[in-house]
Amino acid sequence: MTQEGGDLDSLVRKRVRALRAAHGWSLDDLAARCHLSPSTLSRIETGHRRIALDQLTVIARALSTSLDQLVEAAPDDVVSHPSYDPARGLTLWSLRHEPGVTVARMRLTAPPPEGPSALKAHPGREWFTVLSGTVELLLGERRLRVEEGQAAEFLTMLPHAVGAVGGPADMLGIFDREARRSHLDPTARKR
């Protein structure tokens, strides 16, 4: 007889099994780490035993996750719909669970701006990967070439700018709130 607990109960059981498998552990391995019997864990995973809160807490700890993450409800809408600005070659996606963080696909056609006044600095971090072409990253006094398939990550308090080298380049970047305002908001550039 299986326990009827609804979708969340089933999801938690599937997560326990999937996390155990991701670690490459057998029921015996996980049982030893959380001081439960392998048969108890098997019945928990298959829905043949009710999950007690104290058991769930030690299972989460053994699986290197938090109780919150283990029982978090799955969102209904997992598909993100981007906004696209064709004039700027910019596609933006907002990340639901990271307020203020934006993923942007950008097409660079111009070389990086020249001169120290063209470099921007602001709190935070930026990360980008080059999808096609070559991007030149000006980072303080350094000029770095980032080729297709490579990525760069840096603290944004260091003055920086990017541009294309030898033709258009496409990149995918992750920007925090300050970086988005500095690099992606068209009204910020006019100030």
C-alpha atoms as a PDB file:
ATOM      1  CA  MET A   1       0.000   0.000   0.000  1.00  0.00           C
ATOM      2  CA  THR A   2       1.418   3.393  -0.957  1.00  0.00           C
ATOM      3  CA  GLN A   3       0.920   6.655   0.920  1.00  0.00           C
ATOM      4  CA  GLU A   4      -1.365   9.211  -0.700  1.00  0.00           C
ATOM      5  CA  GLY A   5       0.229  12.606  -0.182  1.00  0.00           C
ATOM      6  CA  GLY A   6      -0.310  14.501  -3.373  1.00  0.00           C
ATOM      7  CA  ASP A   7       2.067  15.925  -5.903  1.00  0.00           C
ATOM      8  CA  LEU A   8       4.540  17.467  -3.442  1.00  0.00           C
ATOM      9  CA  ASP A   9       4.934  14.206  -1.534  1.00  0.00           C
ATOM     10  CA  SER A  10       5.613  12.364  -4.786  1.00  0.00           C
ATOM     11  CA  LEU A  11       8.034  15.068  -5.905  1.00  0.00           C
ATOM     12  CA  VAL A  12      10.012  14.849  -2.641  1.00  0.00           C
ATOM     13  CA  ARG A  13      10.301  11.060  -2.997  1.00  0.00           C
ATOM     14  CA  LYS A  14      11.505  11.415  -6.597  1.00  0.00           C
ATOM     15  CA  ARG A  15      14.043  14.054  -5.519  1.00  0.00           C
ATOM     16  CA  VAL A  16      15.437  11.804  -2.790  1.00  0.00           C
ATOM     17  CA  ARG A  17      15.860   8.956  -5.291  1.00  0.00           C
ATOM     18  CA  ALA A  18      17.329  11.234  -7.986  1.00  0.00           C
ATOM     19  CA  LEU A  19      19.797  12.913  -5.595  1.00  0.00           C
ATOM     20  CA  ARG A  20      20.886   9.534  -4.248  1.00  0.00           C
ATOM     21  CA  ALA A  21      21.441   8.296  -7.813  1.00  0.00           C
ATOM     22  CA  ALA A  22      23.299  11.505  -8.748  1.00  0.00           C
ATOM     23  CA  HIS A  23      25.731  10.826  -5.900  1.00  0.00           C
ATOM     24  CA  GLY A  24      26.120   7.280  -7.231  1.00  0.00           C
ATOM     25  CA  TRP A  25      24.933   5.827  -3.911  1.00  0.00           C
ATOM     26  CA  SER A  26      22.996   2.657  -3.247  1.00  0.00           C
ATOM     27  CA  LEU A  27      20.245   2.532  -0.641  1.00  0.00           C
ATOM     28  CA  ASP A  28      22.850   1.058   1.734  1.00  0.00           C
ATOM     29  CA  ASP A  29      25.215   4.002   1.127  1.00  0.00           C
ATOM     30  CA  LEU A  30      22.568   6.632   1.868  1.00  0.00           C
ATOM     31  CA  ALA A  31      21.232   4.627   4.812  1.00  0.00           C
ATOM     32  CA  ALA A  32      24.678   4.634   6.435  1.00  0.00           C
ATOM     33  CA  ARG A  33      24.968   8.413   5.963  1.00  0.00           C
ATOM     34  CA  CYS A  34      21.587   9.231   7.496  1.00  0.00           C
ATOM     35  CA  HIS A  35      21.377   6.415  10.095  1.00  0.00           C
ATOM     36  CA  LEU A  36      18.223   4.840   8.675  1.00  0.00           C
ATOM     37  CA  SER A  37      17.792   1.276   7.479  1.00  0.00           C
ATOM     38  CA  PRO A  38      17.988   0.601   3.731  1.00  0.00           C
ATOM     39  CA  SER A  39      14.479  -0.890   3.845  1.00  0.00           C
ATOM     40  CA  THR A  40      13.118   2.303   5.464  1.00  0.00           C
ATOM     41  CA  LEU A  41      14.723   4.407   2.720  1.00  0.00           C
ATOM     42  CA  SER A  42      13.365   2.085   0.047  1.00  0.00           C
ATOM     43  CA  ARG A  43       9.839   2.375   1.451  1.00  0.00           C
ATOM     44  CA  ILE A  44      10.200   6.175   1.670  1.00  0.00           C
ATOM     45  CA  GLU A  45      11.363   6.422  -1.966  1.00  0.00           C
ATOM     46  CA  THR A  46       8.588   4.141  -3.245  1.00  0.00           C
ATOM     47  CA  GLY A  47       5.790   5.714  -1.208  1.00  0.00           C
ATOM     48  CA  HIS A  48       5.216   2.680   1.018  1.00  0.00           C
ATOM     49  CA  ARG A  49       6.089   4.654   4.136  1.00  0.00           C
ATOM     50  CA  ARG A  50       5.119   8.090   5.369  1.00  0.00           C
ATOM     51  CA  ILE A  51       8.060  10.511   5.550  1.00  0.00           C
ATOM     52  CA  ALA A  52       8.602  11.941   9.027  1.00  0.00           C
ATOM     53  CA  LEU A  53      10.061  15.442   9.305  1.00  0.00           C
ATOM     54  CA  ASP A  54      13.040  14.249  11.372  1.00  0.00           C
ATOM     55  CA  GLN A  55      13.814  11.624   8.704  1.00  0.00           C
ATOM     56  CA  LEU A  56      13.523  14.170   5.914  1.00  0.00           C
ATOM     57  CA  THR A  57      15.905  16.520   7.714  1.00  0.00           C
ATOM     58  CA  VAL A  58      18.673  13.892   8.055  1.00  0.00           C
ATOM     59  CA  ILE A  59      18.095  12.652   4.499  1.00  0.00           C
ATOM     60  CA  ALA A  60      18.436  16.209   3.149  1.00  0.00           C
ATOM     61  CA  ARG A  61      21.639  16.754   5.139  1.00  0.00           C
ATOM     62  CA  ALA A  62      23.096  13.443   3.930  1.00  0.00           C
ATOM     63  CA  LEU A  63      22.290  14.392   0.327  1.00  0.00           C
ATOM     64  CA  SER A  64      24.070  17.771   0.724  1.00  0.00           C
ATOM     65  CA  THR A  65      20.906  19.801   0.243  1.00  0.00           C
ATOM     66  CA  SER A  66      18.592  21.780   2.468  1.00  0.00           C
ATOM     67  CA  LEU A  67      15.156  20.787   3.673  1.00  0.00           C
ATOM     68  CA  ASP A  68      13.777  23.866   1.859  1.00  0.00           C
ATOM     69  CA  GLN A  69      15.228  22.728  -1.462  1.00  0.00           C
ATOM     70  CA  LEU A  70      14.002  19.177  -0.957  1.00  0.00           C
ATOM     71  CA  VAL A  71      10.382  20.220  -0.345  1.00  0.00           C
ATOM     72  CA  GLU A  72      10.182  23.268  -2.652  1.00  0.00           C
ATOM     73  CA  ALA A  73       7.177  23.025  -4.951  1.00  0.00           C
ATOM     74  CA  ALA A  74       7.940  22.764  -8.635  1.00  0.00           C
ATOM     75  CA  PRO A  75       6.849  25.837 -10.607  1.00  0.00           C
ATOM     76  CA  ASP A  76       4.077  25.303 -13.130  1.00  0.00           C
ATOM     77  CA  ASP A  77       5.588  27.541 -15.794  1.00  0.00           C
ATOM     78  CA  VAL A  78       9.192  26.568 -16.467  1.00  0.00           C
ATOM     79  CA  VAL A  79       9.452  28.115 -19.915  1.00  0.00           C
ATOM     80  CA  SER A  80      10.869  31.637 -20.048  1.00  0.00           C
ATOM     81  CA  HIS A  81       9.740  34.068 -22.701  1.00  0.00           C
ATOM     82  CA  PRO A  82      12.434  36.530 -23.729  1.00  0.00           C
ATOM     83  CA  SER A  83      12.104  40.093 -24.842  1.00  0.00           C
ATOM     84  CA  TYR A  84      13.911  41.006 -28.060  1.00  0.00           C
ATOM     85  CA  ASP A  85      15.248  44.356 -29.238  1.00  0.00           C
ATOM     86  CA  PRO A  86      16.227  43.920 -32.918  1.00  0.00           C
ATOM     87  CA  ALA A  87      17.726  47.416 -33.210  1.00  0.00           C
ATOM     88  CA  ARG A  88      20.293  46.563 -30.538  1.00  0.00           C
ATOM     89  CA  GLY A  89      20.628  42.827 -31.313  1.00  0.00           C
ATOM     90  CA  LEU A  90      19.648  42.064 -27.730  1.00  0.00           C
ATOM     91  CA  THR A  91      17.543  39.231 -26.304  1.00  0.00           C
ATOM     92  CA  LEU A  92      16.828  39.261 -22.540  1.00  0.00           C
ATOM     93  CA  TRP A  93      15.587  36.593 -20.152  1.00  0.00           C
ATOM     94  CA  SER A  94      14.889  37.286 -16.468  1.00  0.00           C
ATOM     95  CA  LEU A  95      15.645  34.504 -14.004  1.00  0.00           C
ATOM     96  CA  ARG A  96      12.662  33.871 -11.751  1.00  0.00           C
ATOM     97  CA  HIS A  97      14.514  32.561  -8.714  1.00  0.00           C
ATOM     98  CA  GLU A  98      17.322  35.110  -8.842  1.00  0.00           C
ATOM     99  CA  PRO A  99      15.688  38.528  -8.534  1.00  0.00           C
ATOM    100  CA  GLY A 100      17.628  41.161 -10.434  1.00  0.00           C
ATOM    101  CA  VAL A 101      19.654  38.632 -12.445  1.00  0.00           C
ATOM    102  CA  THR A 102      19.243  38.744 -16.218  1.00  0.00           C
ATOM    103  CA  VAL A 103      20.560  36.496 -18.968  1.00  0.00           C
ATOM    104  CA  ALA A 104      21.208  38.358 -22.203  1.00  0.00           C
ATOM    105  CA  ARG A 105      22.150  37.184 -25.666  1.00  0.00           C
ATOM    106  CA  MET A 106      23.927  40.028 -27.432  1.00  0.00           C
ATOM    107  CA  ARG A 107      25.217  40.521 -30.940  1.00  0.00           C
ATOM    108  CA  LEU A 108      28.293  42.721 -30.933  1.00  0.00           C
ATOM    109  CA  THR A 109      29.200  44.386 -34.222  1.00  0.00           C
ATOM    110  CA  ALA A 110      31.552  47.190 -33.146  1.00  0.00           C
ATOM    111  CA  PRO A 111      34.986  46.946 -31.554  1.00  0.00           C
ATOM    112  CA  PRO A 112      35.261  47.858 -27.875  1.00  0.00           C
ATOM    113  CA  PRO A 113      35.159  51.582 -27.145  1.00  0.00           C
ATOM    114  CA  GLU A 114      38.497  53.331 -26.862  1.00  0.00           C
ATOM    115  CA  GLY A 115      39.755  55.512 -24.030  1.00  0.00           C
ATOM    116  CA  PRO A 116      39.492  55.280 -20.262  1.00  0.00           C
ATOM    117  CA  SER A 117      36.216  57.221 -20.152  1.00  0.00           C
ATOM    118  CA  ALA A 118      34.507  54.496 -22.214  1.00  0.00           C
ATOM    119  CA  LEU A 119      35.126  51.844 -19.570  1.00  0.00           C
ATOM    120  CA  LYS A 120      32.398  51.270 -16.972  1.00  0.00           C
ATOM    121  CA  ALA A 121      32.727  50.187 -13.349  1.00  0.00           C
ATOM    122  CA  HIS A 122      29.963  49.238 -10.906  1.00  0.00           C
ATOM    123  CA  PRO A 123      29.397  46.845  -7.997  1.00  0.00           C
ATOM    124  CA  GLY A 124      28.826  43.165  -8.792  1.00  0.00           C
ATOM    125  CA  ARG A 125      30.042  40.420 -11.093  1.00  0.00           C
ATOM    126  CA  GLU A 126      29.577  39.609 -14.762  1.00  0.00           C
ATOM    127  CA  TRP A 127      29.906  36.368 -16.644  1.00  0.00           C
ATOM    128  CA  PHE A 128      29.688  35.773 -20.387  1.00  0.00           C
ATOM    129  CA  THR A 129      30.428  33.078 -22.932  1.00  0.00           C
ATOM    130  CA  VAL A 130      31.100  33.625 -26.614  1.00  0.00           C
ATOM    131  CA  LEU A 131      28.657  31.767 -28.870  1.00  0.00           C
ATOM    132  CA  SER A 132      30.266  32.809 -32.172  1.00  0.00           C
ATOM    133  CA  GLY A 133      33.058  35.091 -33.304  1.00  0.00           C
ATOM    134  CA  THR A 134      35.631  36.702 -31.033  1.00  0.00           C
ATOM    135  CA  VAL A 135      35.032  39.214 -28.249  1.00  0.00           C
ATOM    136  CA  GLU A 136      37.653  41.598 -26.930  1.00  0.00           C
ATOM    137  CA  LEU A 137      37.310  42.302 -23.210  1.00  0.00           C
ATOM    138  CA  LEU A 138      38.958  45.448 -21.900  1.00  0.00           C
ATOM    139  CA  LEU A 139      39.522  44.886 -18.199  1.00  0.00           C
ATOM    140  CA  GLY A 140      41.412  47.676 -16.497  1.00  0.00           C
ATOM    141  CA  GLU A 141      44.710  47.934 -18.388  1.00  0.00           C
ATOM    142  CA  ARG A 142      44.340  44.465 -19.979  1.00  0.00           C
ATOM    143  CA  ARG A 143      42.997  43.482 -23.414  1.00  0.00           C
ATOM    144  CA  LEU A 144      41.738  39.912 -23.477  1.00  0.00           C
ATOM    145  CA  ARG A 145      40.520  37.951 -26.500  1.00  0.00           C
ATOM    146  CA  VAL A 146      37.668  35.605 -25.654  1.00  0.00           C
ATOM    147  CA  GLU A 147      37.111  33.099 -28.460  1.00  0.00           C
ATOM    148  CA  GLU A 148      34.043  31.064 -29.374  1.00  0.00           C
ATOM    149  CA  GLY A 149      33.337  28.507 -26.642  1.00  0.00           C
ATOM    150  CA  GLN A 150      35.332  30.382 -23.997  1.00  0.00           C
ATOM    151  CA  ALA A 151      33.885  32.295 -21.045  1.00  0.00           C
ATOM    152  CA  ALA A 152      34.989  35.187 -18.855  1.00  0.00           C
ATOM    153  CA  GLU A 153      33.976  36.143 -15.330  1.00  0.00           C
ATOM    154  CA  PHE A 154      35.131  39.221 -13.483  1.00  0.00           C
ATOM    155  CA  LEU A 155      34.387  41.698 -10.721  1.00  0.00           C
ATOM    156  CA  THR A 156      32.724  44.715 -12.257  1.00  0.00           C
ATOM    157  CA  MET A 157      34.421  47.256 -10.000  1.00  0.00           C
ATOM    158  CA  LEU A 158      37.318  46.887 -12.423  1.00  0.00           C
ATOM    159  CA  PRO A 159      36.665  49.256 -15.366  1.00  0.00           C
ATOM    160  CA  HIS A 160      35.570  47.162 -18.354  1.00  0.00           C
ATOM    161  CA  ALA A 161      34.058  47.097 -21.843  1.00  0.00           C
ATOM    162  CA  VAL A 162      33.503  44.513 -24.598  1.00  0.00           C
ATOM    163  CA  GLY A 163      33.391  44.582 -28.375  1.00  0.00           C
ATOM    164  CA  ALA A 164      33.662  42.384 -31.463  1.00  0.00           C
ATOM    165  CA  VAL A 165      36.945  41.547 -33.173  1.00  0.00           C
ATOM    166  CA  GLY A 166      37.091  40.882 -36.931  1.00  0.00           C
ATOM    167  CA  GLY A 167      33.344  40.810 -37.495  1.00  0.00           C
ATOM    168  CA  PRO A 168      30.135  40.235 -35.532  1.00  0.00           C
ATOM    169  CA  ALA A 169      30.226  38.201 -32.332  1.00  0.00           C
ATOM    170  CA  ASP A 170      27.401  36.677 -30.335  1.00  0.00           C
ATOM    171  CA  MET A 171      27.671  36.267 -26.587  1.00  0.00           C
ATOM    172  CA  LEU A 172      25.483  35.100 -23.738  1.00  0.00           C
ATOM    173  CA  GLY A 173      25.941  37.042 -20.507  1.00  0.00           C
ATOM    174  CA  ILE A 174      24.625  36.859 -16.961  1.00  0.00           C
ATOM    175  CA  PHE A 175      24.205  40.259 -15.346  1.00  0.00           C
ATOM    176  CA  ASP A 176      23.219  41.273 -11.830  1.00  0.00           C
ATOM    177  CA  ARG A 177      20.944  44.299 -11.274  1.00  0.00           C
ATOM    178  CA  GLU A 178      23.773  46.872 -11.424  1.00  0.00           C
ATOM    179  CA  ALA A 179      25.314  45.341 -14.542  1.00  0.00           C
ATOM    180  CA  ARG A 180      21.951  45.223 -16.281  1.00  0.00           C
ATOM    181  CA  ARG A 181      21.379  48.904 -15.546  1.00  0.00           C
ATOM    182  CA  SER A 182      24.880  49.827 -16.763  1.00  0.00           C
ATOM    183  CA  HIS A 183      25.024  47.702 -19.905  1.00  0.00           C
ATOM    184  CA  LEU A 184      21.527  46.757 -21.029  1.00  0.00           C
ATOM    185  CA  ASP A 185      19.251  49.666 -20.144  1.00  0.00           C
ATOM    186  CA  PRO A 186      19.244  52.017 -23.167  1.00  0.00           C
ATOM    187  CA  THR A 187      18.293  55.059 -21.039  1.00  0.00           C
ATOM    188  CA  ALA A 188      21.329  54.562 -18.790  1.00  0.00           C
ATOM    189  CA  ARG A 189      23.723  55.255 -21.697  1.00  0.00           C
ATOM    190  CA  LYS A 190      22.188  58.652 -22.414  1.00  0.00           C
ATOM    191  CA  ARG A 191      22.830  60.031 -18.961  1.00  0.00           C
END
